[in-house]
Amino acid sequence: VSSFIITPKYDSTTKIYILNRQNNDNLTLSD
């Protein structure tokens, strides 16, 4: 059943990083 009857499903993952800087020059702890 698991090999031939159930349709296989595939997972694809992408990742993003988001950081909002208050000061364009330096990254602060509050950022």
Full PDB file with SEQRES, HELIX, SHEET, SSBOND, CRYST1, ORIGX, SCALE, CONECT and MASTER records, all heavy atoms in Angstrom:
SEQRES   1 A   31  VAL SER SER PHE ILE ILE THR PRO LYS TYR ASP SER THR          
SEQRES   2 A   31  THR LYS ILE TYR ILE LEU ASN ARG GLN ASN ASN ASP ASN          
SEQRES   3 A   31  LEU THR LEU SER ASP                                          
CRYST1    1.000    1.000    1.000  90.00  90.00  90.00 P 1           1          
ORIGX1      1.000000  0.000000  0.000000        0.00000                         
ORIGX2      0.000000  1.000000  0.000000        0.00000                         
ORIGX3      0.000000  0.000000  1.000000        0.00000                         
SCALE1      1.000000  0.000000  0.000000        0.00000                         
SCALE2      0.000000  1.000000  0.000000        0.00000                         
SCALE3      0.000000  0.000000  1.000000        0.00000                         
ATOM      1  N   VAL A   1       0.835  -1.209   0.000  1.00  0.00           N  
ATOM      2  CA  VAL A   1       0.000   0.000   0.000  1.00  0.00           C  
ATOM      3  C   VAL A   1       0.864   1.251   0.000  1.00  0.00           C  
ATOM      4  O   VAL A   1       0.649   2.175  -0.782  1.00  0.00           O  
ATOM      5  CB  VAL A   1      -0.969  -0.012   1.207  1.00  0.00           C  
ATOM      6  CG1 VAL A   1      -1.603   1.350   1.419  1.00  0.00           C  
ATOM      7  CG2 VAL A   1      -2.041  -1.071   1.016  1.00  0.00           C  
ATOM      8  N   SER A   2       1.876   1.303   0.873  1.00  0.00           N  
ATOM      9  CA  SER A   2       2.707   2.509   0.962  1.00  0.00           C  
ATOM     10  C   SER A   2       3.631   2.673  -0.234  1.00  0.00           C  
ATOM     11  O   SER A   2       3.987   3.797  -0.592  1.00  0.00           O  
ATOM     12  CB  SER A   2       3.521   2.501   2.259  1.00  0.00           C  
ATOM     13  OG  SER A   2       4.385   1.395   2.309  1.00  0.00           O  
ATOM     14  N   SER A   3       4.007   1.587  -0.869  1.00  0.00           N  
ATOM     15  CA  SER A   3       4.919   1.680  -2.012  1.00  0.00           C  
ATOM     16  C   SER A   3       4.215   1.954  -3.328  1.00  0.00           C  
ATOM     17  O   SER A   3       4.735   2.703  -4.164  1.00  0.00           O  
ATOM     18  CB  SER A   3       5.711   0.382  -2.157  1.00  0.00           C  
ATOM     19  OG  SER A   3       6.528   0.182  -1.047  1.00  0.00           O  
ATOM     20  N   PHE A   4       3.051   1.342  -3.532  1.00  0.00           N  
ATOM     21  CA  PHE A   4       2.443   1.381  -4.860  1.00  0.00           C  
ATOM     22  C   PHE A   4       1.088   2.082  -4.938  1.00  0.00           C  
ATOM     23  O   PHE A   4       0.680   2.497  -6.009  1.00  0.00           O  
ATOM     24  CB  PHE A   4       2.306  -0.045  -5.400  1.00  0.00           C  
ATOM     25  CG  PHE A   4       3.614  -0.782  -5.452  1.00  0.00           C  
ATOM     26  CD1 PHE A   4       3.862  -1.841  -4.596  1.00  0.00           C  
ATOM     27  CD2 PHE A   4       4.606  -0.392  -6.337  1.00  0.00           C  
ATOM     28  CE1 PHE A   4       5.075  -2.523  -4.639  1.00  0.00           C  
ATOM     29  CE2 PHE A   4       5.817  -1.066  -6.385  1.00  0.00           C  
ATOM     30  CZ  PHE A   4       6.056  -2.132  -5.530  1.00  0.00           C  
ATOM     31  N   ILE A   5       0.376   2.201  -3.843  1.00  0.00           N  
ATOM     32  CA  ILE A   5      -0.976   2.761  -3.896  1.00  0.00           C  
ATOM     33  C   ILE A   5      -1.003   4.225  -3.460  1.00  0.00           C  
ATOM     34  O   ILE A   5      -1.599   5.060  -4.123  1.00  0.00           O  
ATOM     35  CB  ILE A   5      -1.949   1.912  -3.048  1.00  0.00           C  
ATOM     36  CG1 ILE A   5      -2.047   0.512  -3.672  1.00  0.00           C  
ATOM     37  CG2 ILE A   5      -3.310   2.571  -2.963  1.00  0.00           C  
ATOM     38  CD1 ILE A   5      -2.864  -0.471  -2.887  1.00  0.00           C  
ATOM     39  N   ILE A   6      -0.338   4.551  -2.354  1.00  0.00           N  
ATOM     40  CA  ILE A   6      -0.331   5.926  -1.857  1.00  0.00           C  
ATOM     41  C   ILE A   6       0.619   6.761  -2.711  1.00  0.00           C  
ATOM     42  O   ILE A   6       1.760   6.379  -2.951  1.00  0.00           O  
ATOM     43  CB  ILE A   6       0.094   5.973  -0.376  1.00  0.00           C  
ATOM     44  CG1 ILE A   6      -0.903   5.203   0.479  1.00  0.00           C  
ATOM     45  CG2 ILE A   6       0.211   7.413   0.103  1.00  0.00           C  
ATOM     46  CD1 ILE A   6      -0.509   5.088   1.935  1.00  0.00           C  
ATOM     47  N   THR A   7       0.126   7.919  -3.171  1.00  0.00           N  
ATOM     48  CA  THR A   7       0.933   8.818  -3.993  1.00  0.00           C  
ATOM     49  C   THR A   7       1.989   9.484  -3.116  1.00  0.00           C  
ATOM     50  O   THR A   7       1.659  10.081  -2.093  1.00  0.00           O  
ATOM     51  CB  THR A   7       0.054   9.905  -4.635  1.00  0.00           C  
ATOM     52  OG1 THR A   7      -0.998   9.268  -5.355  1.00  0.00           O  
ATOM     53  CG2 THR A   7       0.851  10.783  -5.563  1.00  0.00           C  
ATOM     54  N   PRO A   8       3.261   9.412  -3.516  1.00  0.00           N  
ATOM     55  CA  PRO A   8       4.309  10.054  -2.700  1.00  0.00           C  
ATOM     56  C   PRO A   8       4.203  11.581  -2.737  1.00  0.00           C  
ATOM     57  O   PRO A   8       3.787  12.163  -3.738  1.00  0.00           O  
ATOM     58  CB  PRO A   8       5.607   9.573  -3.347  1.00  0.00           C  
ATOM     59  CG  PRO A   8       5.252   9.015  -4.655  1.00  0.00           C  
ATOM     60  CD  PRO A   8       3.796   8.706  -4.662  1.00  0.00           C  
ATOM     61  N   LYS A   9       4.577  12.202  -1.636  1.00  0.00           N  
ATOM     62  CA  LYS A   9       4.577  13.662  -1.505  1.00  0.00           C  
ATOM     63  C   LYS A   9       6.010  14.113  -1.231  1.00  0.00           C  
ATOM     64  O   LYS A   9       6.750  13.460  -0.495  1.00  0.00           O  
ATOM     65  CB  LYS A   9       3.684  14.113  -0.351  1.00  0.00           C  
ATOM     66  CG  LYS A   9       2.289  13.552  -0.401  1.00  0.00           C  
ATOM     67  CD  LYS A   9       1.362  14.455  -1.106  1.00  0.00           C  
ATOM     68  CE  LYS A   9      -0.058  13.904  -0.964  1.00  0.00           C  
ATOM     69  NZ  LYS A   9      -0.934  14.345  -1.929  1.00  0.00           N  
ATOM     70  N   TYR A  10       6.387  15.235  -1.829  1.00  0.00           N  
ATOM     71  CA  TYR A  10       7.739  15.764  -1.703  1.00  0.00           C  
ATOM     72  C   TYR A  10       7.706  17.111  -0.989  1.00  0.00           C  
ATOM     73  O   TYR A  10       6.808  17.909  -1.216  1.00  0.00           O  
ATOM     74  CB  TYR A  10       8.372  15.927  -3.085  1.00  0.00           C  
ATOM     75  CG  TYR A  10       8.549  14.620  -3.809  1.00  0.00           C  
ATOM     76  CD1 TYR A  10       7.527  14.099  -4.596  1.00  0.00           C  
ATOM     77  CD2 TYR A  10       9.723  13.896  -3.700  1.00  0.00           C  
ATOM     78  CE1 TYR A  10       7.679  12.886  -5.258  1.00  0.00           C  
ATOM     79  CE2 TYR A  10       9.888  12.686  -4.355  1.00  0.00           C  
ATOM     80  CZ  TYR A  10       8.858  12.185  -5.134  1.00  0.00           C  
ATOM     81  OH  TYR A  10       9.017  10.994  -5.776  1.00  0.00           O  
ATOM     82  N   ASP A  11       8.699  17.349  -0.126  1.00  0.00           N  
ATOM     83  CA  ASP A  11       8.823  18.616   0.591  1.00  0.00           C  
ATOM     84  C   ASP A  11      10.011  19.391   0.040  1.00  0.00           C  
ATOM     85  O   ASP A  11      11.106  18.838  -0.111  1.00  0.00           O  
ATOM     86  CB  ASP A  11       9.062  18.385   2.087  1.00  0.00           C  
ATOM     87  CG  ASP A  11       7.812  17.949   2.820  1.00  0.00           C  
ATOM     88  OD1 ASP A  11       6.732  17.974   2.213  1.00  0.00           O  
ATOM     89  OD2 ASP A  11       7.924  17.586   4.003  1.00  0.00           O  
ATOM     90  N   SER A  12       9.786  20.662  -0.240  1.00  0.00           N  
ATOM     91  CA  SER A  12      10.856  21.558  -0.658  1.00  0.00           C  
ATOM     92  C   SER A  12      10.867  22.744   0.294  1.00  0.00           C  
ATOM     93  O   SER A  12       9.827  23.331   0.580  1.00  0.00           O  
ATOM     94  CB  SER A  12      10.643  22.024  -2.094  1.00  0.00           C  
ATOM     95  OG  SER A  12      11.717  22.857  -2.502  1.00  0.00           O  
ATOM     96  N   THR A  13      12.053  23.105   0.789  1.00  0.00           N  
ATOM     97  CA  THR A  13      12.170  24.144   1.804  1.00  0.00           C  
ATOM     98  C   THR A  13      13.095  25.259   1.337  1.00  0.00           C  
ATOM     99  O   THR A  13      14.158  25.003   0.773  1.00  0.00           O  
ATOM    100  CB  THR A  13      12.723  23.557   3.118  1.00  0.00           C  
ATOM    101  OG1 THR A  13      11.858  22.515   3.549  1.00  0.00           O  
ATOM    102  CG2 THR A  13      12.838  24.598   4.202  1.00  0.00           C  
ATOM    103  N   THR A  14      12.667  26.478   1.573  1.00  0.00           N  
ATOM    104  CA  THR A  14      13.490  27.662   1.338  1.00  0.00           C  
ATOM    105  C   THR A  14      13.522  28.456   2.639  1.00  0.00           C  
ATOM    106  O   THR A  14      12.617  28.336   3.461  1.00  0.00           O  
ATOM    107  CB  THR A  14      12.939  28.518   0.176  1.00  0.00           C  
ATOM    108  OG1 THR A  14      13.813  29.616  -0.042  1.00  0.00           O  
ATOM    109  CG2 THR A  14      11.544  29.007   0.441  1.00  0.00           C  
ATOM    110  N   LYS A  15      14.570  29.252   2.823  1.00  0.00           N  
ATOM    111  CA  LYS A  15      14.718  30.016   4.064  1.00  0.00           C  
ATOM    112  C   LYS A  15      15.040  31.465   3.757  1.00  0.00           C  
ATOM    113  O   LYS A  15      15.792  31.759   2.820  1.00  0.00           O  
ATOM    114  CB  LYS A  15      15.826  29.426   4.933  1.00  0.00           C  
ATOM    115  CG  LYS A  15      15.528  28.038   5.426  1.00  0.00           C  
ATOM    116  CD  LYS A  15      16.626  27.490   6.288  1.00  0.00           C  
ATOM    117  CE  LYS A  15      16.285  26.072   6.738  1.00  0.00           C  
ATOM    118  NZ  LYS A  15      17.309  25.510   7.598  1.00  0.00           N  
ATOM    119  N   ILE A  16      14.451  32.358   4.577  1.00  0.00           N  
ATOM    120  CA  ILE A  16      14.736  33.777   4.442  1.00  0.00           C  
ATOM    121  C   ILE A  16      15.179  34.340   5.791  1.00  0.00           C  
ATOM    122  O   ILE A  16      14.844  33.793   6.841  1.00  0.00           O  
ATOM    123  CB  ILE A  16      13.521  34.569   3.912  1.00  0.00           C  
ATOM    124  CG1 ILE A  16      12.290  34.366   4.789  1.00  0.00           C  
ATOM    125  CG2 ILE A  16      13.225  34.215   2.475  1.00  0.00           C  
ATOM    126  CD1 ILE A  16      11.084  35.197   4.392  1.00  0.00           C  
ATOM    127  N   TYR A  17      15.947  35.419   5.721  1.00  0.00           N  
ATOM    128  CA  TYR A  17      16.448  36.101   6.909  1.00  0.00           C  
ATOM    129  C   TYR A  17      15.987  37.541   6.839  1.00  0.00           C  
ATOM    130  O   TYR A  17      16.225  38.227   5.839  1.00  0.00           O  
ATOM    131  CB  TYR A  17      17.983  36.029   6.929  1.00  0.00           C  
ATOM    132  CG  TYR A  17      18.623  36.699   8.108  1.00  0.00           C  
ATOM    133  CD1 TYR A  17      18.667  36.068   9.336  1.00  0.00           C  
ATOM    134  CD2 TYR A  17      19.198  37.959   7.988  1.00  0.00           C  
ATOM    135  CE1 TYR A  17      19.266  36.672  10.426  1.00  0.00           C  
ATOM    136  CE2 TYR A  17      19.801  38.565   9.072  1.00  0.00           C  
ATOM    137  CZ  TYR A  17      19.836  37.918  10.283  1.00  0.00           C  
ATOM    138  OH  TYR A  17      20.420  38.516  11.361  1.00  0.00           O  
ATOM    139  N   ILE A  18      15.337  37.992   7.900  1.00  0.00           N  
ATOM    140  CA  ILE A  18      14.780  39.341   7.912  1.00  0.00           C  
ATOM    141  C   ILE A  18      15.378  40.108   9.077  1.00  0.00           C  
ATOM    142  O   ILE A  18      15.342  39.645  10.216  1.00  0.00           O  
ATOM    143  CB  ILE A  18      13.248  39.302   8.046  1.00  0.00           C  
ATOM    144  CG1 ILE A  18      12.650  38.441   6.946  1.00  0.00           C  
ATOM    145  CG2 ILE A  18      12.676  40.704   8.022  1.00  0.00           C  
ATOM    146  CD1 ILE A  18      11.214  38.093   7.152  1.00  0.00           C  
ATOM    147  N   LEU A  19      15.922  41.279   8.782  1.00  0.00           N  
ATOM    148  CA  LEU A  19      16.464  42.127   9.827  1.00  0.00           C  
ATOM    149  C   LEU A  19      16.246  43.573   9.441  1.00  0.00           C  
ATOM    150  O   LEU A  19      16.640  44.007   8.357  1.00  0.00           O  
ATOM    151  CB  LEU A  19      17.961  41.859  10.028  1.00  0.00           C  
ATOM    152  CG  LEU A  19      18.630  42.639  11.152  1.00  0.00           C  
ATOM    153  CD1 LEU A  19      17.989  42.297  12.490  1.00  0.00           C  
ATOM    154  CD2 LEU A  19      20.100  42.325  11.198  1.00  0.00           C  
ATOM    155  N   ASN A  20      15.597  44.298  10.315  1.00  0.00           N  
ATOM    156  CA  ASN A  20      15.316  45.711  10.076  1.00  0.00           C  
ATOM    157  C   ASN A  20      16.296  46.549  10.893  1.00  0.00           C  
ATOM    158  O   ASN A  20      16.313  46.470  12.111  1.00  0.00           O  
ATOM    159  CB  ASN A  20      13.875  46.043  10.487  1.00  0.00           C  
ATOM    160  CG  ASN A  20      13.486  47.436  10.065  1.00  0.00           C  
ATOM    161  OD1 ASN A  20      14.144  48.035   9.236  1.00  0.00           O  
ATOM    162  ND2 ASN A  20      12.405  47.922  10.632  1.00  0.00           N  
ATOM    163  N   ARG A  21      17.110  47.323  10.221  1.00  0.00           N  
ATOM    164  CA  ARG A  21      18.084  48.171  10.903  1.00  0.00           C  
ATOM    165  C   ARG A  21      17.520  49.570  11.083  1.00  0.00           C  
ATOM    166  O   ARG A  21      16.995  50.158  10.156  1.00  0.00           O  
ATOM    167  CB  ARG A  21      19.373  48.261  10.095  1.00  0.00           C  
ATOM    168  CG  ARG A  21      20.108  46.969  10.009  1.00  0.00           C  
ATOM    169  CD  ARG A  21      21.407  47.163   9.289  1.00  0.00           C  
ATOM    170  NE  ARG A  21      22.029  45.871   9.097  1.00  0.00           N  
ATOM    171  CZ  ARG A  21      23.224  45.704   8.601  1.00  0.00           C  
ATOM    172  NH1 ARG A  21      23.925  46.744   8.216  1.00  0.00           N  
ATOM    173  NH2 ARG A  21      23.727  44.515   8.461  1.00  0.00           N  
ATOM    174  N   GLN A  22      17.694  50.081  12.293  1.00  0.00           N  
ATOM    175  CA  GLN A  22      17.280  51.457  12.539  1.00  0.00           C  
ATOM    176  C   GLN A  22      18.334  52.422  12.021  1.00  0.00           C  
ATOM    177  O   GLN A  22      18.033  53.506  11.555  1.00  0.00           O  
ATOM    178  CB  GLN A  22      17.058  51.680  14.042  1.00  0.00           C  
ATOM    179  CG  GLN A  22      15.915  50.849  14.576  1.00  0.00           C  
ATOM    180  CD  GLN A  22      15.805  50.927  16.081  1.00  0.00           C  
ATOM    181  OE1 GLN A  22      16.624  51.521  16.759  1.00  0.00           O  
ATOM    182  NE2 GLN A  22      14.765  50.296  16.614  1.00  0.00           N  
ATOM    183  N   ASN A  23      19.584  52.012  12.105  1.00  0.00           N  
ATOM    184  CA  ASN A  23      20.697  52.824  11.635  1.00  0.00           C  
ATOM    185  C   ASN A  23      21.348  52.059  10.490  1.00  0.00           C  
ATOM    186  O   ASN A  23      21.715  50.903  10.645  1.00  0.00           O  
ATOM    187  CB  ASN A  23      21.686  53.047  12.791  1.00  0.00           C  
ATOM    188  CG  ASN A  23      22.859  53.904  12.386  1.00  0.00           C  
ATOM    189  OD1 ASN A  23      23.036  54.215  11.211  1.00  0.00           O  
ATOM    190  ND2 ASN A  23      23.655  54.287  13.370  1.00  0.00           N  
ATOM    191  N   ASN A  24      21.522  52.673   9.347  1.00  0.00           N  
ATOM    192  CA  ASN A  24      22.034  51.972   8.176  1.00  0.00           C  
ATOM    193  C   ASN A  24      23.483  51.542   8.318  1.00  0.00           C  
ATOM    194  O   ASN A  24      23.943  50.663   7.613  1.00  0.00           O  
ATOM    195  CB  ASN A  24      21.891  52.840   6.926  1.00  0.00           C  
ATOM    196  CG  ASN A  24      20.450  52.974   6.506  1.00  0.00           C  
ATOM    197  OD1 ASN A  24      19.632  52.129   6.844  1.00  0.00           O  
ATOM    198  ND2 ASN A  24      20.127  54.038   5.791  1.00  0.00           N  
ATOM    199  N   ASP A  25      24.226  52.153   9.228  1.00  0.00           N  
ATOM    200  CA  ASP A  25      25.648  51.855   9.341  1.00  0.00           C  
ATOM    201  C   ASP A  25      25.942  50.643  10.225  1.00  0.00           C  
ATOM    202  O   ASP A  25      26.723  49.784   9.875  1.00  0.00           O  
ATOM    203  CB  ASP A  25      26.409  53.067   9.889  1.00  0.00           C  
ATOM    204  CG  ASP A  25      26.312  54.269   8.955  1.00  0.00           C  
ATOM    205  OD1 ASP A  25      26.153  54.048   7.737  1.00  0.00           O  
ATOM    206  OD2 ASP A  25      26.376  55.399   9.455  1.00  0.00           O  
ATOM    207  N   ASN A  26      25.306  50.594  11.379  1.00  0.00           N  
ATOM    208  CA  ASN A  26      25.630  49.563  12.357  1.00  0.00           C  
ATOM    209  C   ASN A  26      24.393  48.769  12.752  1.00  0.00           C  
ATOM    210  O   ASN A  26      23.286  49.283  12.774  1.00  0.00           O  
ATOM    211  CB  ASN A  26      26.222  50.195  13.619  1.00  0.00           C  
ATOM    212  CG  ASN A  26      27.525  50.903  13.340  1.00  0.00           C  
ATOM    213  OD1 ASN A  26      28.308  50.461  12.526  1.00  0.00           O  
ATOM    214  ND2 ASN A  26      27.749  52.019  14.026  1.00  0.00           N  
ATOM    215  N   LEU A  27      24.641  47.524  13.098  1.00  0.00           N  
ATOM    216  CA  LEU A  27      23.593  46.657  13.619  1.00  0.00           C  
ATOM    217  C   LEU A  27      23.628  46.751  15.136  1.00  0.00           C  
ATOM    218  O   LEU A  27      24.655  46.490  15.756  1.00  0.00           O  
ATOM    219  CB  LEU A  27      23.836  45.213  13.172  1.00  0.00           C  
ATOM    220  CG  LEU A  27      22.829  44.182  13.619  1.00  0.00           C  
ATOM    221  CD1 LEU A  27      21.483  44.467  12.970  1.00  0.00           C  
ATOM    222  CD2 LEU A  27      23.304  42.796  13.243  1.00  0.00           C  
ATOM    223  N   THR A  28      22.523  47.131  15.739  1.00  0.00           N  
ATOM    224  CA  THR A  28      22.485  47.304  17.192  1.00  0.00           C  
ATOM    225  C   THR A  28      21.755  46.146  17.846  1.00  0.00           C  
ATOM    226  O   THR A  28      21.058  45.373  17.185  1.00  0.00           O  
ATOM    227  CB  THR A  28      21.781  48.626  17.568  1.00  0.00           C  
ATOM    228  OG1 THR A  28      20.417  48.537  17.146  1.00  0.00           O  
ATOM    229  CG2 THR A  28      22.460  49.816  16.920  1.00  0.00           C  
ATOM    230  N   LEU A  29      21.913  46.074  19.169  1.00  0.00           N  
ATOM    231  CA  LEU A  29      21.225  45.031  19.929  1.00  0.00           C  
ATOM    232  C   LEU A  29      19.719  45.202  19.832  1.00  0.00           C  
ATOM    233  O   LEU A  29      18.979  44.213  19.729  1.00  0.00           O  
ATOM    234  CB  LEU A  29      21.674  45.064  21.393  1.00  0.00           C  
ATOM    235  CG  LEU A  29      21.026  44.042  22.325  1.00  0.00           C  
ATOM    236  CD1 LEU A  29      21.349  42.635  21.860  1.00  0.00           C  
ATOM    237  CD2 LEU A  29      21.478  44.258  23.746  1.00  0.00           C  
ATOM    238  N   SER A  30      19.242  46.421  19.834  1.00  0.00           N  
ATOM    239  CA  SER A  30      17.801  46.650  19.731  1.00  0.00           C  
ATOM    240  C   SER A  30      17.265  46.196  18.371  1.00  0.00           C  
ATOM    241  O   SER A  30      16.133  45.740  18.271  1.00  0.00           O  
ATOM    242  CB  SER A  30      17.461  48.121  19.971  1.00  0.00           C  
ATOM    243  OG  SER A  30      18.010  48.923  18.953  1.00  0.00           O  
ATOM    244  N   ASP A  31      18.094  46.296  17.304  1.00  0.00           N  
ATOM    245  CA  ASP A  31      17.679  45.798  15.988  1.00  0.00           C  
ATOM    246  C   ASP A  31      17.450  44.295  16.024  1.00  0.00           C  
ATOM    247  O   ASP A  31      16.454  43.800  15.504  1.00  0.00           O  
ATOM    248  CB  ASP A  31      18.746  46.118  14.930  1.00  0.00           C  
ATOM    249  CG  ASP A  31      18.865  47.593  14.623  1.00  0.00           C  
ATOM    250  OD1 ASP A  31      17.878  48.326  14.853  1.00  0.00           O  
ATOM    251  OD2 ASP A  31      19.929  48.006  14.154  1.00  0.00           O  
TER     252      ASP A  31                                                      
MASTER        0    0    0    0    0    0    0    6  251    1    0    3          
END                                                                             
